[in-house]
Amino acid sequence: MLFMPWMSKVELYAAIRRDHRGGMSMRELERKHGVTWRTVRKALDSSWPEPRKKPPSRATGLDRYKPVR
């Protein structure tokens, strides 16, 4: 696997699309960029990655006292 310095998802998607236009197969793209076939497919289908999902808020130790005010 070729070592790629850290890059944003937008840059990764652009690199995958550029290499695909250059004639690389899906398997070659997976190996070169160190991603799965799902990521390659998403990059080829859409120019922008999906926004990150917001994690659910975690409970705190004070939650049980919040109703008492």
C-alpha atoms as a PDB file:
ATOM      1  CA  MET A   1       0.000   0.000   0.000  1.00  0.00           C
ATOM      2  CA  LEU A   2       1.288   3.428  -0.909  1.00  0.00           C
ATOM      3  CA  PHE A   3       1.626   5.723   2.100  1.00  0.00           C
ATOM      4  CA  MET A   4      -0.589   8.777   1.709  1.00  0.00           C
ATOM      5  CA  PRO A   5      -0.199  11.669   4.127  1.00  0.00           C
ATOM      6  CA  TRP A   6      -3.390  12.587   5.945  1.00  0.00           C
ATOM      7  CA  MET A   7      -5.880  14.387   3.748  1.00  0.00           C
ATOM      8  CA  SER A   8      -9.464  15.498   4.130  1.00  0.00           C
ATOM      9  CA  LYS A   9     -12.274  13.388   2.730  1.00  0.00           C
ATOM     10  CA  VAL A  10     -12.955  16.010   0.065  1.00  0.00           C
ATOM     11  CA  GLU A  11      -9.329  15.776  -1.093  1.00  0.00           C
ATOM     12  CA  LEU A  12      -9.452  11.967  -0.951  1.00  0.00           C
ATOM     13  CA  TYR A  13     -12.638  11.859  -3.049  1.00  0.00           C
ATOM     14  CA  ALA A  14     -11.067  14.240  -5.590  1.00  0.00           C
ATOM     15  CA  ALA A  15      -7.906  12.095  -5.797  1.00  0.00           C
ATOM     16  CA  ILE A  16      -9.958   8.922  -6.281  1.00  0.00           C
ATOM     17  CA  ARG A  17     -12.010  10.530  -9.076  1.00  0.00           C
ATOM     18  CA  ARG A  18      -8.866  11.917 -10.738  1.00  0.00           C
ATOM     19  CA  ASP A  19      -7.166   8.502 -10.700  1.00  0.00           C
ATOM     20  CA  HIS A  20     -10.335   6.832 -11.982  1.00  0.00           C
ATOM     21  CA  ARG A  21     -10.459   9.245 -14.932  1.00  0.00           C
ATOM     22  CA  GLY A  22      -6.840   8.272 -15.548  1.00  0.00           C
ATOM     23  CA  GLY A  23      -7.938   4.679 -16.108  1.00  0.00           C
ATOM     24  CA  MET A  24      -7.339   2.989 -12.745  1.00  0.00           C
ATOM     25  CA  SER A  25      -9.620   0.118 -11.796  1.00  0.00           C
ATOM     26  CA  MET A  26     -11.632   0.051  -8.574  1.00  0.00           C
ATOM     27  CA  ARG A  27      -9.248  -2.490  -7.054  1.00  0.00           C
ATOM     28  CA  GLU A  28      -6.210  -0.351  -7.900  1.00  0.00           C
ATOM     29  CA  LEU A  29      -7.934   2.678  -6.344  1.00  0.00           C
ATOM     30  CA  GLU A  30      -8.620   0.697  -3.156  1.00  0.00           C
ATOM     31  CA  ARG A  31      -4.976  -0.322  -2.850  1.00  0.00           C
ATOM     32  CA  LYS A  32      -3.479   3.052  -3.741  1.00  0.00           C
ATOM     33  CA  HIS A  33      -5.638   5.078  -1.359  1.00  0.00           C
ATOM     34  CA  GLY A  34      -5.957   2.437   1.374  1.00  0.00           C
ATOM     35  CA  VAL A  35      -9.772   2.479   1.427  1.00  0.00           C
ATOM     36  CA  THR A  36     -12.552  -0.058   0.950  1.00  0.00           C
ATOM     37  CA  TRP A  37     -14.623  -0.541  -2.188  1.00  0.00           C
ATOM     38  CA  ARG A  38     -17.530   1.258  -0.496  1.00  0.00           C
ATOM     39  CA  THR A  39     -15.452   4.420  -0.112  1.00  0.00           C
ATOM     40  CA  VAL A  40     -14.332   4.229  -3.741  1.00  0.00           C
ATOM     41  CA  ARG A  41     -17.948   3.784  -4.859  1.00  0.00           C
ATOM     42  CA  LYS A  42     -19.113   6.760  -2.735  1.00  0.00           C
ATOM     43  CA  ALA A  43     -16.307   8.922  -4.162  1.00  0.00           C
ATOM     44  CA  LEU A  44     -17.265   8.034  -7.732  1.00  0.00           C
ATOM     45  CA  ASP A  45     -20.996   8.552  -7.127  1.00  0.00           C
ATOM     46  CA  SER A  46     -20.797  11.884  -5.298  1.00  0.00           C
ATOM     47  CA  SER A  47     -18.374  14.792  -5.409  1.00  0.00           C
ATOM     48  CA  TRP A  48     -18.987  15.662  -1.724  1.00  0.00           C
ATOM     49  CA  PRO A  49     -18.723  13.216   1.174  1.00  0.00           C
ATOM     50  CA  GLU A  50     -21.643  12.756   3.535  1.00  0.00           C
ATOM     51  CA  PRO A  51     -21.588  15.128   6.520  1.00  0.00           C
ATOM     52  CA  ARG A  52     -20.482  13.614   9.799  1.00  0.00           C
ATOM     53  CA  LYS A  53     -23.202  12.226  11.996  1.00  0.00           C
ATOM     54  CA  LYS A  54     -23.582  14.040  15.300  1.00  0.00           C
ATOM     55  CA  PRO A  55     -23.030  11.615  18.187  1.00  0.00           C
ATOM     56  CA  PRO A  56     -25.842  11.316  20.727  1.00  0.00           C
ATOM     57  CA  SER A  57     -25.326  13.355  23.862  1.00  0.00           C
ATOM     58  CA  ARG A  58     -24.047  11.415  26.834  1.00  0.00           C
ATOM     59  CA  ALA A  59     -25.617  11.461  30.253  1.00  0.00           C
ATOM     60  CA  THR A  60     -23.808  13.353  32.981  1.00  0.00           C
ATOM     61  CA  GLY A  61     -23.615  12.710  36.696  1.00  0.00           C
ATOM     62  CA  LEU A  62     -25.857  15.708  37.350  1.00  0.00           C
ATOM     63  CA  ASP A  63     -28.739  14.561  35.123  1.00  0.00           C
ATOM     64  CA  ARG A  64     -30.617  12.945  38.010  1.00  0.00           C
ATOM     65  CA  TYR A  65     -30.652  16.301  39.882  1.00  0.00           C
ATOM     66  CA  LYS A  66     -31.796  18.461  36.939  1.00  0.00           C
ATOM     67  CA  PRO A  67     -35.541  18.056  37.565  1.00  0.00           C
ATOM     68  CA  VAL A  68     -35.061  19.298  41.165  1.00  0.00           C
ATOM     69  CA  ARG A  69     -34.811  23.049  41.001  1.00  0.00           C
END
